[in-house]
Amino acid sequence: MEIRAIKVHGSSNDFYLIDEMSRELAITEEERSALSLAVCKRTGEDGADGILFVQASNTADAKMRVFNADGTEASMCGNGLRCVGRYVSEKLGKDELIIETMKADLAVKREPEIYQDIPTFRVEISPVLKSTKALPMNTEKDEIIQERLPFLDDELIFTTLSVPNPHLVSIVSQEVLASDKQEKIAKYVNGENEWFPDGVNVSFINVMSDKDIFVRTYERGVGFTNACGTAMSASSLVTKWERSLEDEVLLNVYNPGGMVKCQVHDMPEKTWIDLIGNATYEYKQTITVDLKHREVQFGNKEIHEEEVAAYHAFVNHVKEIVGAI
């Protein structure tokens, strides 16, 4: 099987984007999972955090399906949605779109550049669900907002929510961020445990200033990642709640892969987050896959050199800011 793919990333959270809008891949759902396992495996410069399948939709401009590197399908991916949004925007010649995802049809809009020569898109992150059943989590509590969970840690304060991916979030000090607490907690809740049967994304937030936060995420199905779009969105909402910020606060969210902006809309009738950041193309490539034997051959790369250089400059700029705050 030969597949034409574009290697893309949002905040260095990288994916192979595969266009199925005109013609679907001739593979089963089981093979789709096997494809992600085979193609995403990190070997040298090849591999990725997941695959973005861009498909035709009956309700929106296009449909996005996301498969993680471990073969599981994610209900949403904010960083991936920005990349899909850019691809469909350029394919259809539209700056405002609706993209169908597993749980909701979401708004996507081209935005002014977040940094020089960085294609930038705003995507809607919703629905926001506080119910522990939505995670799911095995507990008698209907919701967990700013509470201690002694089975995880005696001191940290946690909030759980779905956006719609499940998240476990805690605001921590720099000392805790530098420790191994996050890794231990994340591996526990994503292994065999009695609390989170499907696992959960785990994010630690370090508050840098009233409008700046740093977020590091252990992503379910991936591990520690450069950035997770729904995690940055969930972390922004948790920061808004815990620090009693204004209902439509705009935060700069730094992460190991760069920076995005998150605008929280915490209204009585609806809560959602707008995730604003890059949608970068790294290269185009033909990938030859033998699913039966899990063999992959990666063809030559057609590199988008100017985009790669622009994002590298952006990351250096972000490092300077983080060091100054």
Protein backbone atom coordinates (compact mmCIF):
# COMPACT_ATOMS: atom_id res chain seq x y z
CA MET A 1 0.00 0.00 0.00
CA GLU A 2 1.33 3.43 -0.96
CA ILE A 3 0.18 6.44 1.09
CA ARG A 4 0.83 10.10 0.31
CA ALA A 5 1.18 11.95 3.60
CA ILE A 6 2.13 15.37 4.93
CA LYS A 7 4.13 15.53 8.14
CA VAL A 8 2.56 18.32 10.20
CA HIS A 9 2.76 19.61 13.74
CA GLY A 10 1.03 21.88 16.21
CA SER A 11 3.39 23.01 18.98
CA SER A 12 5.76 20.18 17.93
CA ASN A 13 2.99 17.62 18.56
CA ASP A 14 3.56 15.85 15.23
CA PHE A 15 1.36 13.79 12.92
CA TYR A 16 1.13 12.26 9.49
CA LEU A 17 -1.85 13.88 7.75
CA ILE A 18 -3.59 11.65 5.19
CA ASP A 19 -6.26 13.05 2.83
CA GLU A 20 -9.27 10.75 2.38
CA MET A 21 -11.74 13.43 1.29
CA SER A 22 -11.73 12.26 -2.33
CA ARG A 23 -11.03 8.58 -1.80
CA GLU A 24 -10.92 6.56 1.42
CA LEU A 25 -8.10 4.15 2.10
CA ALA A 26 -9.01 0.59 1.21
CA ILE A 27 -8.43 -0.67 4.74
CA THR A 28 -10.56 -1.96 7.61
CA GLU A 29 -10.86 -0.28 11.00
CA GLU A 30 -8.52 -2.88 12.49
CA GLU A 31 -6.01 -2.14 9.75
CA ARG A 32 -6.35 1.60 10.41
CA SER A 33 -5.15 0.96 13.95
CA ALA A 34 -2.37 -1.31 12.67
CA LEU A 35 -1.35 1.41 10.21
CA SER A 36 -0.85 3.93 13.02
CA LEU A 37 1.19 1.40 15.01
CA ALA A 38 3.43 0.72 12.04
CA VAL A 39 3.87 4.23 10.67
CA CYS A 40 4.13 6.19 13.91
CA LYS A 41 6.86 4.06 15.50
CA ARG A 42 9.86 6.32 16.13
CA THR A 43 12.89 5.22 14.10
CA GLY A 44 15.47 7.92 13.57
CA GLU A 45 13.77 10.94 11.99
CA ASP A 46 10.65 8.98 11.07
CA GLY A 47 7.58 8.34 13.23
CA ALA A 48 5.02 10.59 14.88
CA ASP A 49 2.62 11.05 17.78
CA GLY A 50 -0.27 9.95 15.57
CA ILE A 51 -2.10 10.00 12.25
CA LEU A 52 -4.71 12.56 11.18
CA PHE A 53 -7.21 11.14 8.69
CA VAL A 54 -9.05 13.92 6.82
CA GLN A 55 -12.34 12.60 5.48
CA ALA A 56 -15.49 13.88 3.79
CA SER A 57 -18.36 14.85 6.12
CA ASN A 58 -22.13 15.01 5.77
CA THR A 59 -22.44 17.69 8.47
CA ALA A 60 -19.31 19.85 8.10
CA ASP A 61 -16.59 20.97 5.71
CA ALA A 62 -14.55 17.86 6.57
CA LYS A 63 -14.14 15.18 9.21
CA MET A 64 -11.08 14.51 11.37
CA ARG A 65 -10.18 11.15 12.84
CA VAL A 66 -7.13 10.84 15.09
CA PHE A 67 -5.20 7.66 15.81
CA ASN A 68 -2.48 7.70 18.45
CA ALA A 69 0.90 6.04 18.07
CA ASP A 70 -0.33 3.09 20.16
CA GLY A 71 -3.15 2.35 17.71
CA THR A 72 -6.00 3.80 19.80
CA GLU A 73 -8.43 6.35 18.39
CA ALA A 74 -8.67 9.69 20.21
CA SER A 75 -11.96 11.56 20.44
CA MET A 76 -10.24 14.90 19.79
CA CYS A 77 -6.86 16.54 19.29
CA GLY A 78 -6.53 20.30 19.46
CA ASN A 79 -3.08 20.50 17.90
CA GLY A 80 -4.14 18.10 15.17
CA LEU A 81 -7.34 20.04 14.54
CA ARG A 82 -5.34 23.17 13.75
CA CYS A 83 -3.32 21.23 11.16
CA VAL A 84 -6.45 19.66 9.64
CA GLY A 85 -8.08 23.09 9.68
CA ARG A 86 -5.22 24.57 7.69
CA TYR A 87 -5.24 21.71 5.18
CA VAL A 88 -9.00 21.93 4.56
CA SER A 89 -8.88 25.75 4.52
CA GLU A 90 -6.33 25.70 1.71
CA LYS A 91 -8.06 22.82 -0.11
CA LEU A 92 -11.46 24.56 -0.10
CA GLY A 93 -10.26 28.18 -0.17
CA LYS A 94 -12.10 29.09 3.05
CA ASP A 95 -10.81 30.92 6.14
CA GLU A 96 -13.64 29.79 8.41
CA LEU A 97 -14.66 26.15 8.64
CA ILE A 98 -16.56 23.55 10.59
CA ILE A 99 -14.72 20.27 11.18
CA GLU A 100 -16.53 17.16 12.34
CA THR A 101 -14.83 15.27 15.19
CA MET A 102 -15.90 12.20 17.16
CA LYS A 103 -17.88 14.15 19.78
CA ALA A 104 -18.76 17.49 18.13
CA ASP A 105 -18.61 19.67 15.01
CA LEU A 106 -16.06 22.37 15.84
CA ALA A 107 -15.32 25.85 14.49
CA VAL A 108 -11.93 26.55 12.91
CA LYS A 109 -10.69 29.96 11.76
CA ARG A 110 -7.50 31.32 10.23
CA GLU A 111 -5.91 33.88 12.57
CA PRO A 112 -3.17 36.55 12.29
CA GLU A 113 0.28 35.00 12.61
CA ILE A 114 1.28 34.15 16.17
CA TYR A 115 4.86 34.85 15.04
CA GLN A 116 6.46 35.87 11.75
CA ASP A 117 5.71 33.41 8.92
CA ILE A 118 3.84 30.98 11.24
CA PRO A 119 0.47 29.82 9.78
CA THR A 120 -1.93 30.25 12.69
CA PHE A 121 -5.40 28.89 13.35
CA ARG A 122 -8.02 29.23 16.09
CA VAL A 123 -9.96 26.07 16.92
CA GLU A 124 -12.88 25.49 19.24
CA ILE A 125 -12.29 23.02 22.07
CA SER A 126 -15.60 21.64 23.34
CA PRO A 127 -17.66 20.17 24.86
CA VAL A 128 -16.36 20.77 28.38
CA LEU A 129 -17.70 18.14 30.79
CA LYS A 130 -17.09 18.20 34.55
CA SER A 131 -18.78 14.87 35.23
CA THR A 132 -16.47 12.09 36.41
CA LYS A 133 -18.62 9.69 34.38
CA ALA A 134 -17.42 11.41 31.21
CA LEU A 135 -13.77 10.51 31.89
CA PRO A 136 -14.71 7.81 32.98
CA MET A 137 -13.57 7.59 36.61
CA ASN A 138 -14.66 5.03 39.19
CA THR A 139 -15.79 7.25 42.03
CA GLU A 140 -18.99 8.16 43.85
CA LYS A 141 -18.27 11.87 43.36
CA ASP A 142 -20.09 13.59 40.51
CA GLU A 143 -17.15 15.92 39.85
CA ILE A 144 -13.67 16.63 41.19
CA ILE A 145 -12.77 20.32 41.19
CA GLN A 146 -9.71 21.42 43.18
CA GLU A 147 -9.58 18.41 45.49
CA ARG A 148 -6.92 16.21 47.03
CA LEU A 149 -6.80 12.63 45.80
CA PRO A 150 -4.80 10.75 48.46
CA PHE A 151 -4.56 7.62 46.31
CA LEU A 152 -2.43 9.71 43.92
CA ASP A 153 -0.67 12.22 46.19
CA ASP A 154 -1.12 13.58 49.73
CA GLU A 155 -0.42 17.22 48.86
CA LEU A 156 -1.37 18.05 45.27
CA ILE A 157 -4.76 19.54 44.35
CA PHE A 158 -6.43 17.95 41.30
CA THR A 159 -9.24 18.78 38.90
CA THR A 160 -10.73 16.31 36.43
CA LEU A 161 -12.62 17.23 33.27
CA SER A 162 -13.22 16.13 29.70
CA VAL A 163 -12.74 18.50 26.75
CA PRO A 164 -13.77 15.93 25.41
CA ASN A 165 -10.53 13.93 25.96
CA PRO A 166 -10.18 13.05 29.68
CA HIS A 167 -7.78 15.14 31.76
CA LEU A 168 -6.35 15.10 35.27
CA VAL A 169 -4.81 18.50 36.01
CA SER A 170 -2.82 20.00 38.89
CA ILE A 171 -1.16 23.39 39.44
CA VAL A 172 2.29 22.75 40.90
CA SER A 173 5.47 24.51 41.97
CA GLN A 174 8.63 24.48 39.87
CA GLU A 175 10.10 22.03 42.39
CA VAL A 176 7.27 19.54 41.85
CA LEU A 177 7.43 20.08 38.07
CA ALA A 178 11.11 19.11 38.15
CA SER A 179 10.43 15.98 40.22
CA ASP A 180 9.30 12.53 39.07
CA LYS A 181 5.80 12.90 40.58
CA GLN A 182 4.04 13.50 37.28
CA GLU A 183 5.60 10.48 35.61
CA LYS A 184 4.75 8.18 38.53
CA ILE A 185 1.13 9.39 38.70
CA ALA A 186 0.67 9.26 34.92
CA LYS A 187 2.04 5.75 34.56
CA TYR A 188 -0.19 4.56 37.41
CA VAL A 189 -3.44 6.01 36.03
CA ASN A 190 -2.62 4.78 32.52
CA GLY A 191 -1.76 1.27 33.66
CA GLU A 192 -3.86 -1.29 35.49
CA ASN A 193 -5.69 0.70 38.17
CA GLU A 194 -9.11 0.81 39.84
CA TRP A 195 -9.85 4.50 39.20
CA PHE A 196 -9.41 5.27 35.48
CA PRO A 197 -10.39 2.22 33.41
CA ASP A 198 -9.61 3.93 30.08
CA GLY A 199 -6.62 5.92 31.33
CA VAL A 200 -6.38 9.72 31.49
CA ASN A 201 -4.13 12.54 30.28
CA VAL A 202 -2.11 14.04 33.13
CA SER A 203 -1.00 17.70 33.06
CA PHE A 204 1.04 19.71 35.53
CA ILE A 205 0.74 23.51 35.35
CA ASN A 206 3.29 26.01 36.60
CA VAL A 207 1.85 29.54 36.83
CA MET A 208 4.44 32.03 35.54
CA SER A 209 2.35 35.23 35.78
CA ASP A 210 -1.29 36.36 35.65
CA LYS A 211 -1.43 35.70 31.90
CA ASP A 212 1.33 33.12 31.39
CA ILE A 213 1.42 29.43 32.31
CA PHE A 214 3.67 26.49 31.49
CA VAL A 215 2.04 23.10 30.87
CA ARG A 216 3.65 19.67 30.60
CA THR A 217 1.49 16.69 29.65
CA TYR A 218 1.72 12.93 29.80
CA GLU A 219 -0.68 12.01 27.02
CA ARG A 220 -2.70 8.83 27.13
CA GLY A 221 -1.51 6.54 24.36
CA VAL A 222 1.60 8.64 23.71
CA GLY A 223 3.54 9.38 26.93
CA PHE A 224 5.24 12.72 27.61
CA THR A 225 4.56 14.88 24.57
CA ASN A 226 5.84 18.24 23.36
CA ALA A 227 2.31 19.55 23.62
CA CYS A 228 -1.30 18.37 23.83
CA GLY A 229 -3.93 20.79 22.56
CA THR A 230 -6.84 19.62 24.70
CA ALA A 231 -4.50 19.48 27.74
CA MET A 232 -3.43 23.09 27.23
CA SER A 233 -7.08 24.05 26.88
CA ALA A 234 -8.11 22.13 30.01
CA SER A 235 -5.16 23.60 31.90
CA SER A 236 -6.20 27.12 30.91
CA LEU A 237 -9.70 26.53 32.24
CA VAL A 238 -8.38 25.07 35.51
CA THR A 239 -6.05 28.07 35.90
CA LYS A 240 -9.01 30.41 35.33
CA TRP A 241 -11.02 28.62 38.03
CA GLU A 242 -8.26 28.35 40.62
CA ARG A 243 -7.01 31.94 40.21
CA SER A 244 -10.51 33.48 39.74
CA LEU A 245 -9.63 35.12 36.42
CA GLU A 246 -12.10 36.91 34.15
CA ASP A 247 -14.62 34.81 32.24
CA GLU A 248 -12.98 35.33 28.83
CA VAL A 249 -9.33 35.48 29.87
CA LEU A 250 -6.66 35.03 27.17
CA LEU A 251 -3.63 33.09 28.40
CA ASN A 252 -0.22 32.47 26.88
CA VAL A 253 0.40 28.75 27.33
CA TYR A 254 4.00 27.63 27.07
CA ASN A 255 4.95 23.99 26.63
CA PRO A 256 8.02 21.91 25.73
CA GLY A 257 7.13 22.31 22.04
CA GLY A 258 6.52 26.06 21.88
CA MET A 259 3.56 28.26 22.81
CA VAL A 260 -0.13 28.73 22.06
CA LYS A 261 -2.79 31.14 23.21
CA CYS A 262 -5.92 29.87 24.94
CA GLN A 263 -9.02 32.02 25.31
CA VAL A 264 -11.37 30.66 27.94
CA HIS A 265 -15.09 31.30 27.47
CA ASP A 266 -16.59 30.35 30.84
CA MET A 267 -20.17 31.50 30.44
CA PRO A 268 -23.33 30.45 32.33
CA GLU A 269 -24.89 28.90 29.22
CA LYS A 270 -21.73 27.26 27.83
CA THR A 271 -18.04 26.79 28.53
CA TRP A 272 -15.48 26.30 25.77
CA ILE A 273 -11.88 27.21 24.97
CA ASP A 274 -10.39 28.66 21.79
CA LEU A 275 -6.95 27.20 21.10
CA ILE A 276 -4.80 29.49 18.94
CA GLY A 277 -1.47 28.40 17.52
CA ASN A 278 0.65 27.16 14.66
CA ALA A 279 -0.24 24.65 11.98
CA THR A 280 3.11 23.82 10.41
CA TYR A 281 3.94 21.62 7.42
CA GLU A 282 7.33 19.91 7.73
CA TYR A 283 7.45 17.76 4.61
CA LYS A 284 5.52 15.66 2.11
CA GLN A 285 6.35 11.99 1.74
CA THR A 286 5.19 8.73 0.17
CA ILE A 287 5.00 5.88 2.68
CA THR A 288 4.86 2.25 1.54
CA VAL A 289 3.27 -0.07 4.10
CA ASP A 290 2.95 -3.86 4.32
CA LEU A 291 0.38 -4.21 7.12
CA LYS A 292 0.57 -7.99 7.18
CA HIS A 293 4.23 -7.92 8.14
CA ARG A 294 4.20 -4.45 9.76
CA GLU A 295 6.89 -3.29 7.37
CA VAL A 296 7.23 0.40 6.44
CA GLN A 297 9.34 2.16 3.86
CA PHE A 298 9.55 5.95 3.98
CA GLY A 299 10.19 7.72 0.68
CA ASN A 300 12.19 10.88 0.08
CA LYS A 301 11.02 14.00 1.88
CA GLU A 302 9.87 17.16 0.11
CA ILE A 303 10.79 19.53 2.93
CA HIS A 304 9.00 22.82 3.60
CA GLU A 305 12.27 24.49 4.54
CA GLU A 306 10.91 28.00 5.10
CA GLU A 307 8.18 26.76 7.46
CA VAL A 308 10.61 24.59 9.41
CA ALA A 309 13.02 27.54 9.77
CA ALA A 310 10.22 29.90 10.83
CA TYR A 311 9.06 27.57 13.59
CA HIS A 312 12.63 27.05 14.78
CA ALA A 313 12.95 30.84 15.13
CA PHE A 314 9.65 30.92 17.02
CA VAL A 315 10.83 28.26 19.48
CA ASN A 316 14.03 30.22 20.15
CA HIS A 317 11.90 33.33 20.74
CA VAL A 318 9.69 31.40 23.18
CA LYS A 319 12.74 30.13 25.08
CA GLU A 320 13.91 33.70 25.57
CA ILE A 321 10.51 34.71 26.95
CA VAL A 322 10.24 31.74 29.28
CA GLY A 323 13.70 32.46 30.61
CA ALA A 324 12.75 36.09 31.26
CA ILE A 325 9.53 35.44 33.19
